[in-house]
PDB file of N, CA and C in Angstrom:
ATOM      1  N   MET A   1       8.857   9.210 -13.169  1.00  0.00           N
ATOM      2  CA  MET A   1       8.557   8.056 -12.357  1.00  0.00           C
ATOM      3  C   MET A   1       7.767   7.070 -13.209  1.00  0.00           C
ATOM      4  N   SER A   2       8.175   5.827 -13.202  1.00  0.00           N
ATOM      5  CA  SER A   2       7.471   4.818 -13.981  1.00  0.00           C
ATOM      6  C   SER A   2       6.155   4.460 -13.315  1.00  0.00           C
ATOM      7  N   GLN A   3       5.224   4.010 -14.107  1.00  0.00           N
ATOM      8  CA  GLN A   3       3.906   3.646 -13.612  1.00  0.00           C
ATOM      9  C   GLN A   3       3.847   2.146 -13.337  1.00  0.00           C
ATOM     10  N   VAL A   4       3.044   1.766 -12.361  1.00  0.00           N
ATOM     11  CA  VAL A   4       2.814   0.359 -12.067  1.00  0.00           C
ATOM     12  C   VAL A   4       1.869  -0.170 -13.138  1.00  0.00           C
ATOM     13  N   PRO A   5       2.168  -1.316 -13.734  1.00  0.00           N
ATOM     14  CA  PRO A   5       1.279  -1.860 -14.768  1.00  0.00           C
ATOM     15  C   PRO A   5      -0.138  -2.048 -14.236  1.00  0.00           C
ATOM     16  N   ALA A   6      -1.121  -1.788 -15.073  1.00  0.00           N
ATOM     17  CA  ALA A   6      -2.515  -1.890 -14.660  1.00  0.00           C
ATOM     18  C   ALA A   6      -2.879  -3.304 -14.217  1.00  0.00           C
ATOM     19  N   MET A   7      -2.170  -4.317 -14.721  1.00  0.00           N
ATOM     20  CA  MET A   7      -2.534  -5.678 -14.385  1.00  0.00           C
ATOM     21  C   MET A   7      -1.906  -6.164 -13.075  1.00  0.00           C
ATOM     22  N   ALA A   8      -1.116  -5.355 -12.425  1.00  0.00           N
ATOM     23  CA  ALA A   8      -0.502  -5.757 -11.162  1.00  0.00           C
ATOM     24  C   ALA A   8      -1.596  -5.974 -10.110  1.00  0.00           C
ATOM     25  N   PRO A   9      -1.651  -7.164  -9.498  1.00  0.00           N
ATOM     26  CA  PRO A   9      -2.722  -7.442  -8.545  1.00  0.00           C
ATOM     27  C   PRO A   9      -2.499  -6.825  -7.173  1.00  0.00           C
ATOM     28  N   LEU A  10      -1.240  -6.501  -6.850  1.00  0.00           N
ATOM     29  CA  LEU A  10      -0.931  -5.898  -5.569  1.00  0.00           C
ATOM     30  C   LEU A  10       0.479  -5.331  -5.615  1.00  0.00           C
ATOM     31  N   LEU A  11       0.792  -4.520  -4.617  1.00  0.00           N
ATOM     32  CA  LEU A  11       2.135  -3.966  -4.484  1.00  0.00           C
ATOM     33  C   LEU A  11       2.732  -4.487  -3.191  1.00  0.00           C
ATOM     34  N   VAL A  12       3.934  -5.040  -3.263  1.00  0.00           N
ATOM     35  CA  VAL A  12       4.666  -5.461  -2.072  1.00  0.00           C
ATOM     36  C   VAL A  12       5.821  -4.493  -1.904  1.00  0.00           C
ATOM     37  N   PHE A  13       5.832  -3.791  -0.779  1.00  0.00           N
ATOM     38  CA  PHE A  13       6.804  -2.729  -0.540  1.00  0.00           C
ATOM     39  C   PHE A  13       7.457  -2.941   0.832  1.00  0.00           C
ATOM     40  N   PRO A  14       8.256  -4.026   0.989  1.00  0.00           N
ATOM     41  CA  PRO A  14       8.874  -4.314   2.284  1.00  0.00           C
ATOM     42  C   PRO A  14      10.158  -3.512   2.468  1.00  0.00           C
ATOM     43  N   SER A  15      10.517  -3.300   3.705  1.00  0.00           N
ATOM     44  CA  SER A  15      11.775  -2.624   3.982  1.00  0.00           C
ATOM     45  C   SER A  15      12.179  -2.899   5.418  1.00  0.00           C
ATOM     46  N   LEU A  16      13.450  -2.957   5.640  1.00  0.00           N
ATOM     47  CA  LEU A  16      13.969  -3.073   6.997  1.00  0.00           C
ATOM     48  C   LEU A  16      14.483  -1.723   7.486  1.00  0.00           C
ATOM     49  N   TRP A  17      14.437  -0.725   6.632  1.00  0.00           N
ATOM     50  CA  TRP A  17      14.954   0.604   6.927  1.00  0.00           C
ATOM     51  C   TRP A  17      13.807   1.595   6.918  1.00  0.00           C
ATOM     52  N   TYR A  18      13.762   2.490   7.903  1.00  0.00           N
ATOM     53  CA  TYR A  18      12.685   3.467   7.940  1.00  0.00           C
ATOM     54  C   TYR A  18      12.821   4.448   6.781  1.00  0.00           C
ATOM     55  N   GLU A  19      11.731   4.676   6.116  1.00  0.00           N
ATOM     56  CA  GLU A  19      11.683   5.653   5.032  1.00  0.00           C
ATOM     57  C   GLU A  19      10.499   6.569   5.301  1.00  0.00           C
ATOM     58  N   THR A  20      10.619   7.821   4.914  1.00  0.00           N
ATOM     59  CA  THR A  20       9.570   8.782   5.235  1.00  0.00           C
ATOM     60  C   THR A  20       8.291   8.555   4.458  1.00  0.00           C
ATOM     61  N   MET A  21       8.371   8.243   3.179  1.00  0.00           N
ATOM     62  CA  MET A  21       7.166   8.011   2.384  1.00  0.00           C
ATOM     63  C   MET A  21       7.547   7.263   1.131  1.00  0.00           C
ATOM     64  N   GLY A  22       6.690   6.375   0.745  1.00  0.00           N
ATOM     65  CA  GLY A  22       6.923   5.613  -0.481  1.00  0.00           C
ATOM     66  C   GLY A  22       6.122   6.208  -1.616  1.00  0.00           C
ATOM     67  N   GLY A  23       6.772   6.906  -2.526  1.00  0.00           N
ATOM     68  CA  GLY A  23       6.088   7.484  -3.683  1.00  0.00           C
ATOM     69  C   GLY A  23       5.399   6.428  -4.523  1.00  0.00           C
ATOM     70  N   ARG A  24       6.010   5.271  -4.607  1.00  0.00           N
ATOM     71  CA  ARG A  24       5.414   4.167  -5.356  1.00  0.00           C
ATOM     72  C   ARG A  24       4.097   3.750  -4.705  1.00  0.00           C
ATOM     73  N   VAL A  25       4.067   3.692  -3.376  1.00  0.00           N
ATOM     74  CA  VAL A  25       2.838   3.318  -2.682  1.00  0.00           C
ATOM     75  C   VAL A  25       1.769   4.372  -2.920  1.00  0.00           C
ATOM     76  N   ARG A  26       2.128   5.629  -2.805  1.00  0.00           N
ATOM     77  CA  ARG A  26       1.156   6.713  -2.999  1.00  0.00           C
ATOM     78  C   ARG A  26       0.537   6.644  -4.394  1.00  0.00           C
ATOM     79  N   SER A  27       1.334   6.338  -5.404  1.00  0.00           N
ATOM     80  CA  SER A  27       0.800   6.305  -6.770  1.00  0.00           C
ATOM     81  C   SER A  27       0.042   5.019  -7.071  1.00  0.00           C
ATOM     82  N   THR A  28       0.202   4.010  -6.226  1.00  0.00           N
ATOM     83  CA  THR A  28      -0.409   2.710  -6.486  1.00  0.00           C
ATOM     84  C   THR A  28      -1.666   2.465  -5.668  1.00  0.00           C
ATOM     85  N   VAL A  29      -1.756   3.034  -4.463  1.00  0.00           N
ATOM     86  CA  VAL A  29      -2.878   2.700  -3.581  1.00  0.00           C
ATOM     87  C   VAL A  29      -4.228   3.119  -4.138  1.00  0.00           C
ATOM     88  N   ALA A  30      -4.246   3.867  -5.211  1.00  0.00           N
ATOM     89  CA  ALA A  30      -5.523   4.228  -5.832  1.00  0.00           C
ATOM     90  C   ALA A  30      -6.069   3.078  -6.657  1.00  0.00           C
ATOM     91  N   ARG A  31      -5.284   2.028  -6.843  1.00  0.00           N
ATOM     92  CA  ARG A  31      -5.710   0.949  -7.749  1.00  0.00           C
ATOM     93  C   ARG A  31      -5.655  -0.439  -7.143  1.00  0.00           C
ATOM     94  N   VAL A  32      -4.659  -0.736  -6.353  1.00  0.00           N
ATOM     95  CA  VAL A  32      -4.474  -2.102  -5.860  1.00  0.00           C
ATOM     96  C   VAL A  32      -4.095  -2.087  -4.380  1.00  0.00           C
ATOM     97  N   PRO A  33      -4.347  -3.197  -3.678  1.00  0.00           N
ATOM     98  CA  PRO A  33      -3.901  -3.271  -2.288  1.00  0.00           C
ATOM     99  C   PRO A  33      -2.381  -3.340  -2.227  1.00  0.00           C
ATOM    100  N   ALA A  34      -1.835  -2.907  -1.105  1.00  0.00           N
ATOM    101  CA  ALA A  34      -0.383  -2.924  -0.922  1.00  0.00           C
ATOM    102  C   ALA A  34      -0.031  -3.633   0.375  1.00  0.00           C
ATOM    103  N   ILE A  35       1.110  -4.280   0.375  1.00  0.00           N
ATOM    104  CA  ILE A  35       1.703  -4.816   1.592  1.00  0.00           C
ATOM    105  C   ILE A  35       2.906  -3.938   1.880  1.00  0.00           C
ATOM    106  N   VAL A  36       2.882  -3.270   3.015  1.00  0.00           N
ATOM    107  CA  VAL A  36       3.975  -2.368   3.375  1.00  0.00           C
ATOM    108  C   VAL A  36       4.540  -2.761   4.734  1.00  0.00           C
ATOM    109  N   SER A  37       5.748  -2.360   4.967  1.00  0.00           N
ATOM    110  CA  SER A  37       6.396  -2.596   6.246  1.00  0.00           C
ATOM    111  C   SER A  37       5.942  -1.534   7.244  1.00  0.00           C
ATOM    112  N   ARG A  38       5.842  -1.921   8.500  1.00  0.00           N
ATOM    113  CA  ARG A  38       5.495  -0.927   9.517  1.00  0.00           C
ATOM    114  C   ARG A  38       6.645   0.051   9.748  1.00  0.00           C
ATOM    115  N   MET A  39       7.802  -0.224   9.144  1.00  0.00           N
ATOM    116  CA  MET A  39       8.967   0.638   9.289  1.00  0.00           C
ATOM    117  C   MET A  39       8.987   1.777   8.275  1.00  0.00           C
ATOM    118  N   LYS A  40       7.923   1.976   7.552  1.00  0.00           N
ATOM    119  CA  LYS A  40       7.900   2.978   6.484  1.00  0.00           C
ATOM    120  C   LYS A  40       6.831   4.021   6.745  1.00  0.00           C
ATOM    121  N   GLY A  41       7.055   5.216   6.244  1.00  0.00           N
ATOM    122  CA  GLY A  41       6.032   6.242   6.275  1.00  0.00           C
ATOM    123  C   GLY A  41       4.834   5.848   5.438  1.00  0.00           C
ATOM    124  N   ALA A  42       5.057   4.981   4.452  1.00  0.00           N
ATOM    125  CA  ALA A  42       3.959   4.506   3.601  1.00  0.00           C
ATOM    126  C   ALA A  42       2.914   3.779   4.432  1.00  0.00           C
ATOM    127  N   ARG A  43       3.266   3.336   5.604  1.00  0.00           N
ATOM    128  CA  ARG A  43       2.352   2.660   6.504  1.00  0.00           C
ATOM    129  C   ARG A  43       1.151   3.570   6.797  1.00  0.00           C
ATOM    130  N   ASP A  44       1.346   4.877   6.779  1.00  0.00           N
ATOM    131  CA  ASP A  44       0.261   5.826   7.047  1.00  0.00           C
ATOM    132  C   ASP A  44      -0.806   5.817   5.956  1.00  0.00           C
ATOM    133  N   LEU A  45      -0.500   5.283   4.798  1.00  0.00           N
ATOM    134  CA  LEU A  45      -1.450   5.229   3.689  1.00  0.00           C
ATOM    135  C   LEU A  45      -2.305   3.961   3.713  1.00  0.00           C
ATOM    136  N   ILE A  46      -1.913   2.992   4.539  1.00  0.00           N
ATOM    137  CA  ILE A  46      -2.569   1.688   4.535  1.00  0.00           C
ATOM    138  C   ILE A  46      -3.352   1.483   5.830  1.00  0.00           C
ATOM    139  N   GLN A  47      -4.611   1.130   5.679  1.00  0.00           N
ATOM    140  CA  GLN A  47      -5.430   0.694   6.809  1.00  0.00           C
ATOM    141  C   GLN A  47      -5.366  -0.829   6.808  1.00  0.00           C
ATOM    142  N   ASP A  48      -4.656  -1.389   7.751  1.00  0.00           N
ATOM    143  CA  ASP A  48      -4.385  -2.825   7.774  1.00  0.00           C
ATOM    144  C   ASP A  48      -5.674  -3.638   7.668  1.00  0.00           C
ATOM    145  N   GLY A  49      -5.733  -4.478   6.625  1.00  0.00           N
ATOM    146  CA  GLY A  49      -6.881  -5.324   6.399  1.00  0.00           C
ATOM    147  C   GLY A  49      -8.001  -4.659   5.623  1.00  0.00           C
ATOM    148  N   VAL A  50      -7.853  -3.363   5.314  1.00  0.00           N
ATOM    149  CA  VAL A  50      -8.892  -2.631   4.586  1.00  0.00           C
ATOM    150  C   VAL A  50      -8.460  -2.383   3.142  1.00  0.00           C
ATOM    151  N   ASN A  51      -7.367  -1.646   2.969  1.00  0.00           N
ATOM    152  CA  ASN A  51      -6.868  -1.364   1.619  1.00  0.00           C
ATOM    153  C   ASN A  51      -5.473  -1.948   1.392  1.00  0.00           C
ATOM    154  N   GLY A  52      -5.082  -2.826   2.270  1.00  0.00           N
ATOM    155  CA  GLY A  52      -3.786  -3.477   2.176  1.00  0.00           C
ATOM    156  C   GLY A  52      -3.440  -4.117   3.503  1.00  0.00           C
ATOM    157  N   LEU A  53      -2.190  -4.490   3.641  1.00  0.00           N
ATOM    158  CA  LEU A  53      -1.735  -5.138   4.865  1.00  0.00           C
ATOM    159  C   LEU A  53      -0.421  -4.515   5.311  1.00  0.00           C
ATOM    160  N   VAL A  54      -0.244  -4.429   6.619  1.00  0.00           N
ATOM    161  CA  VAL A  54       0.998  -3.918   7.191  1.00  0.00           C
ATOM    162  C   VAL A  54       1.760  -5.119   7.732  1.00  0.00           C
ATOM    163  N   SER A  55       2.958  -5.311   7.221  1.00  0.00           N
ATOM    164  CA  SER A  55       3.779  -6.455   7.599  1.00  0.00           C
ATOM    165  C   SER A  55       4.820  -6.030   8.617  1.00  0.00           C
ATOM    166  N   ILE A  56       4.917  -6.788   9.679  1.00  0.00           N
ATOM    167  CA  ILE A  56       6.005  -6.557  10.619  1.00  0.00           C
ATOM    168  C   ILE A  56       7.239  -7.266  10.096  1.00  0.00           C
ATOM    169  N   ARG A  57       8.366  -6.948  10.647  1.00  0.00           N
ATOM    170  CA  ARG A  57       9.629  -7.489  10.157  1.00  0.00           C
ATOM    171  C   ARG A  57       9.609  -9.016  10.150  1.00  0.00           C
ATOM    172  N   GLY A  58      10.045  -9.569   9.057  1.00  0.00           N
ATOM    173  CA  GLY A  58      10.204 -11.011   8.994  1.00  0.00           C
ATOM    174  C   GLY A  58       9.478 -11.643   7.832  1.00  0.00           C
ATOM    175  N   GLN A  59      10.065 -12.702   7.338  1.00  0.00           N
ATOM    176  CA  GLN A  59       9.527 -13.385   6.168  1.00  0.00           C
ATOM    177  C   GLN A  59       8.214 -14.096   6.452  1.00  0.00           C
ATOM    178  N   ILE A  60       8.042 -14.615   7.665  1.00  0.00           N
ATOM    179  CA  ILE A  60       6.815 -15.357   7.984  1.00  0.00           C
ATOM    180  C   ILE A  60       5.609 -14.443   7.877  1.00  0.00           C
ATOM    181  N   ARG A  61       5.677 -13.245   8.425  1.00  0.00           N
ATOM    182  CA  ARG A  61       4.554 -12.314   8.351  1.00  0.00           C
ATOM    183  C   ARG A  61       4.300 -11.904   6.903  1.00  0.00           C
ATOM    184  N   LEU A  62       5.341 -11.674   6.143  1.00  0.00           N
ATOM    185  CA  LEU A  62       5.175 -11.311   4.739  1.00  0.00           C
ATOM    186  C   LEU A  62       4.479 -12.440   3.978  1.00  0.00           C
ATOM    187  N   LEU A  63       4.865 -13.677   4.249  1.00  0.00           N
ATOM    188  CA  LEU A  63       4.210 -14.819   3.602  1.00  0.00           C
ATOM    189  C   LEU A  63       2.742 -14.904   3.993  1.00  0.00           C
ATOM    190  N   ARG A  64       2.425 -14.604   5.248  1.00  0.00           N
ATOM    191  CA  ARG A  64       1.019 -14.602   5.671  1.00  0.00           C
ATOM    192  C   ARG A  64       0.232 -13.544   4.907  1.00  0.00           C
ATOM    193  N   CYS A  65       0.816 -12.370   4.740  1.00  0.00           N
ATOM    194  CA  CYS A  65       0.159 -11.296   3.979  1.00  0.00           C
ATOM    195  C   CYS A  65      -0.074 -11.735   2.535  1.00  0.00           C
ATOM    196  N   LEU A  66       0.933 -12.338   1.928  1.00  0.00           N
ATOM    197  CA  LEU A  66       0.788 -12.805   0.548  1.00  0.00           C
ATOM    198  C   LEU A  66      -0.297 -13.868   0.436  1.00  0.00           C
ATOM    199  N   ASN A  67      -0.389 -14.736   1.439  1.00  0.00           N
ATOM    200  CA  ASN A  67      -1.429 -15.765   1.430  1.00  0.00           C
ATOM    201  C   ASN A  67      -2.819 -15.156   1.542  1.00  0.00           C
ATOM    202  N   VAL A  68      -2.969 -14.113   2.338  1.00  0.00           N
ATOM    203  CA  VAL A  68      -4.263 -13.440   2.448  1.00  0.00           C
ATOM    204  C   VAL A  68      -4.667 -12.891   1.086  1.00  0.00           C
ATOM    205  N   LEU A  69      -3.736 -12.217   0.414  1.00  0.00           N
ATOM    206  CA  LEU A  69      -4.057 -11.594  -0.869  1.00  0.00           C
ATOM    207  C   LEU A  69      -4.036 -12.576  -2.039  1.00  0.00           C
ATOM    208  N   ALA A  70      -3.642 -13.820  -1.793  1.00  0.00           N
ATOM    209  CA  ALA A  70      -3.753 -14.848  -2.828  1.00  0.00           C
ATOM    210  C   ALA A  70      -5.216 -15.228  -3.036  1.00  0.00           C
ATOM    211  N   ASP A  71      -6.035 -14.935  -2.040  1.00  0.00           N
ATOM    212  CA  ASP A  71      -7.486 -15.149  -2.158  1.00  0.00           C
ATOM    213  C   ASP A  71      -8.034 -14.005  -3.015  1.00  0.00           C
ATOM    214  N   ASP A  72      -8.493 -14.333  -4.211  1.00  0.00           N
ATOM    215  CA  ASP A  72      -8.954 -13.312  -5.149  1.00  0.00           C
ATOM    216  C   ASP A  72     -10.034 -12.413  -4.573  1.00  0.00           C
ATOM    217  N   SER A  73     -10.938 -12.963  -3.775  1.00  0.00           N
ATOM    218  CA  SER A  73     -12.008 -12.128  -3.218  1.00  0.00           C
ATOM    219  C   SER A  73     -11.458 -11.123  -2.206  1.00  0.00           C
ATOM    220  N   GLN A  74     -10.459 -11.544  -1.415  1.00  0.00           N
ATOM    221  CA  GLN A  74      -9.813 -10.616  -0.469  1.00  0.00           C
ATOM    222  C   GLN A  74      -9.068  -9.515  -1.220  1.00  0.00           C
ATOM    223  N   ALA A  75      -8.300  -9.910  -2.226  1.00  0.00           N
ATOM    224  CA  ALA A  75      -7.528  -8.938  -3.006  1.00  0.00           C
ATOM    225  C   ALA A  75      -8.459  -7.970  -3.722  1.00  0.00           C
ATOM    226  N   GLU A  76      -9.554  -8.484  -4.276  1.00  0.00           N
ATOM    227  CA  GLU A  76     -10.497  -7.622  -4.977  1.00  0.00           C
ATOM    228  C   GLU A  76     -11.163  -6.638  -4.019  1.00  0.00           C
ATOM    229  N   ALA A  77     -11.557  -7.111  -2.841  1.00  0.00           N
ATOM    230  CA  ALA A  77     -12.192  -6.229  -1.853  1.00  0.00           C
ATOM    231  C   ALA A  77     -11.222  -5.145  -1.393  1.00  0.00           C
ATOM    232  N   MET A  78      -9.974  -5.514  -1.108  1.00  0.00           N
ATOM    233  CA  MET A  78      -8.991  -4.521  -0.668  1.00  0.00           C
ATOM    234  C   MET A  78      -8.648  -3.558  -1.792  1.00  0.00           C
ATOM    235  N   GLY A  79      -8.602  -4.049  -3.045  1.00  0.00           N
ATOM    236  CA  GLY A  79      -8.362  -3.164  -4.181  1.00  0.00           C
ATOM    237  C   GLY A  79      -9.478  -2.151  -4.338  1.00  0.00           C
ATOM    238  N   LYS A  80     -10.720  -2.589  -4.169  1.00  0.00           N
ATOM    239  CA  LYS A  80     -11.862  -1.683  -4.240  1.00  0.00           C
ATOM    240  C   LYS A  80     -11.795  -0.647  -3.115  1.00  0.00           C
ATOM    241  N   ASN A  81     -11.465  -1.109  -1.905  1.00  0.00           N
ATOM    242  CA  ASN A  81     -11.311  -0.185  -0.784  1.00  0.00           C
ATOM    243  C   ASN A  81     -10.185   0.807  -1.034  1.00  0.00           C
ATOM    244  N   ALA A  82      -9.078   0.324  -1.611  1.00  0.00           N
ATOM    245  CA  ALA A  82      -7.943   1.202  -1.912  1.00  0.00           C
ATOM    246  C   ALA A  82      -8.385   2.321  -2.848  1.00  0.00           C
ATOM    247  N   TYR A  83      -9.119   1.960  -3.881  1.00  0.00           N
ATOM    248  CA  TYR A  83      -9.605   2.943  -4.853  1.00  0.00           C
ATOM    249  C   TYR A  83     -10.528   3.961  -4.181  1.00  0.00           C
ATOM    250  N   GLU A  84     -11.498   3.463  -3.428  1.00  0.00           N
ATOM    251  CA  GLU A  84     -12.468   4.353  -2.794  1.00  0.00           C
ATOM    252  C   GLU A  84     -11.825   5.266  -1.753  1.00  0.00           C
ATOM    253  N   LEU A  85     -10.934   4.725  -0.928  1.00  0.00           N
ATOM    254  CA  LEU A  85     -10.265   5.547   0.079  1.00  0.00           C
ATOM    255  C   LEU A  85      -9.376   6.621  -0.554  1.00  0.00           C
ATOM    256  N   TYR A  86      -8.671   6.244  -1.599  1.00  0.00           N
ATOM    257  CA  TYR A  86      -7.786   7.202  -2.272  1.00  0.00           C
ATOM    258  C   TYR A  86      -8.588   8.360  -2.859  1.00  0.00           C
ATOM    259  N   TRP A  87      -9.640   8.052  -3.599  1.00  0.00           N
ATOM    260  CA  TRP A  87     -10.383   9.096  -4.299  1.00  0.00           C
ATOM    261  C   TRP A  87     -11.343   9.858  -3.401  1.00  0.00           C
ATOM    262  N   ARG A  88     -11.578   9.377  -2.200  1.00  0.00           N
ATOM    263  CA  ARG A  88     -12.379  10.124  -1.233  1.00  0.00           C
ATOM    264  C   ARG A  88     -11.645  11.385  -0.789  1.00  0.00           C
ATOM    265  N   ASN A  89     -10.317  11.289  -0.745  1.00  0.00           N
ATOM    266  CA  ASN A  89      -9.503  12.414  -0.304  1.00  0.00           C
ATOM    267  C   ASN A  89      -8.132  12.347  -0.986  1.00  0.00           C
ATOM    268  N   PRO A  90      -8.085  12.545  -2.318  1.00  0.00           N
ATOM    269  CA  PRO A  90      -6.816  12.386  -3.037  1.00  0.00           C
ATOM    270  C   PRO A  90      -5.801  13.451  -2.636  1.00  0.00           C
ATOM    271  N   PRO A  91      -4.518  13.118  -2.746  1.00  0.00           N
ATOM    272  CA  PRO A  91      -3.488  14.106  -2.403  1.00  0.00           C
ATOM    273  C   PRO A  91      -3.523  15.285  -3.367  1.00  0.00           C
ATOM    274  N   SER A  92      -3.202  16.445  -2.851  1.00  0.00           N
ATOM    275  CA  SER A  92      -3.099  17.621  -3.689  1.00  0.00           C
ATOM    276  C   SER A  92      -1.916  18.455  -3.211  1.00  0.00           C
ATOM    277  N   SER A  93      -1.455  19.346  -4.046  1.00  0.00           N
ATOM    278  CA  SER A  93      -0.301  20.159  -3.675  1.00  0.00           C
ATOM    279  C   SER A  93      -0.623  21.109  -2.519  1.00  0.00           C
ATOM    280  N   THR A  94      -1.871  21.456  -2.327  1.00  0.00           N
ATOM    281  CA  THR A  94      -2.229  22.349  -1.230  1.00  0.00           C
ATOM    282  C   THR A  94      -2.312  21.621   0.104  1.00  0.00           C
ATOM    283  N   ARG A  95      -2.526  20.283   0.091  1.00  0.00           N
ATOM    284  CA  ARG A  95      -2.594  19.524   1.340  1.00  0.00           C
ATOM    285  C   ARG A  95      -1.323  18.765   1.636  1.00  0.00           C
ATOM    286  N   THR A  96      -0.438  18.652   0.685  1.00  0.00           N
ATOM    287  CA  THR A  96       0.772  17.870   0.887  1.00  0.00           C
ATOM    288  C   THR A  96       1.901  18.791   1.316  1.00  0.00           C
ATOM    289  N   LEU A  97       2.459  18.498   2.475  1.00  0.00           N
ATOM    290  CA  LEU A  97       3.570  19.286   3.001  1.00  0.00           C
ATOM    291  C   LEU A  97       4.816  18.425   2.941  1.00  0.00           C
ATOM    292  N   ILE A  98       5.825  18.925   2.285  1.00  0.00           N
ATOM    293  CA  ILE A  98       7.092  18.226   2.199  1.00  0.00           C
ATOM    294  C   ILE A  98       8.126  19.058   2.960  1.00  0.00           C
ATOM    295  N   ALA A  99       8.660  18.493   3.999  1.00  0.00           N
ATOM    296  CA  ALA A  99       9.650  19.203   4.828  1.00  0.00           C
ATOM    297  C   ALA A  99      11.051  18.725   4.473  1.00  0.00           C
ATOM    298  N   PHE A 100      11.931  19.653   4.306  1.00  0.00           N
ATOM    299  CA  PHE A 100      13.331  19.315   4.017  1.00  0.00           C
ATOM    300  C   PHE A 100      14.187  19.758   5.169  1.00  0.00           C
TER     301      PHE A 100
END
């Protein structure tokens, strides 16, 4: 799996299709805020307005999310929260259950 560049200011992970979990989001939320769709399992990793934003379907909402994170102080605060929340309880193989 490729790594997200360290200089990436945020992750935008929109989708119109339900997905169980976004591996990219899981590997990124330790460093930067993310914008995810409410249609994804990755939504469970994001506390809306704390460590990222949850976008409902549609371009207007996505643009609003991007505008919020265009404010460097907002993006920096959410990135710091993302880091702290992730490392407070990082995923481990003993706590992660993958059902097939």
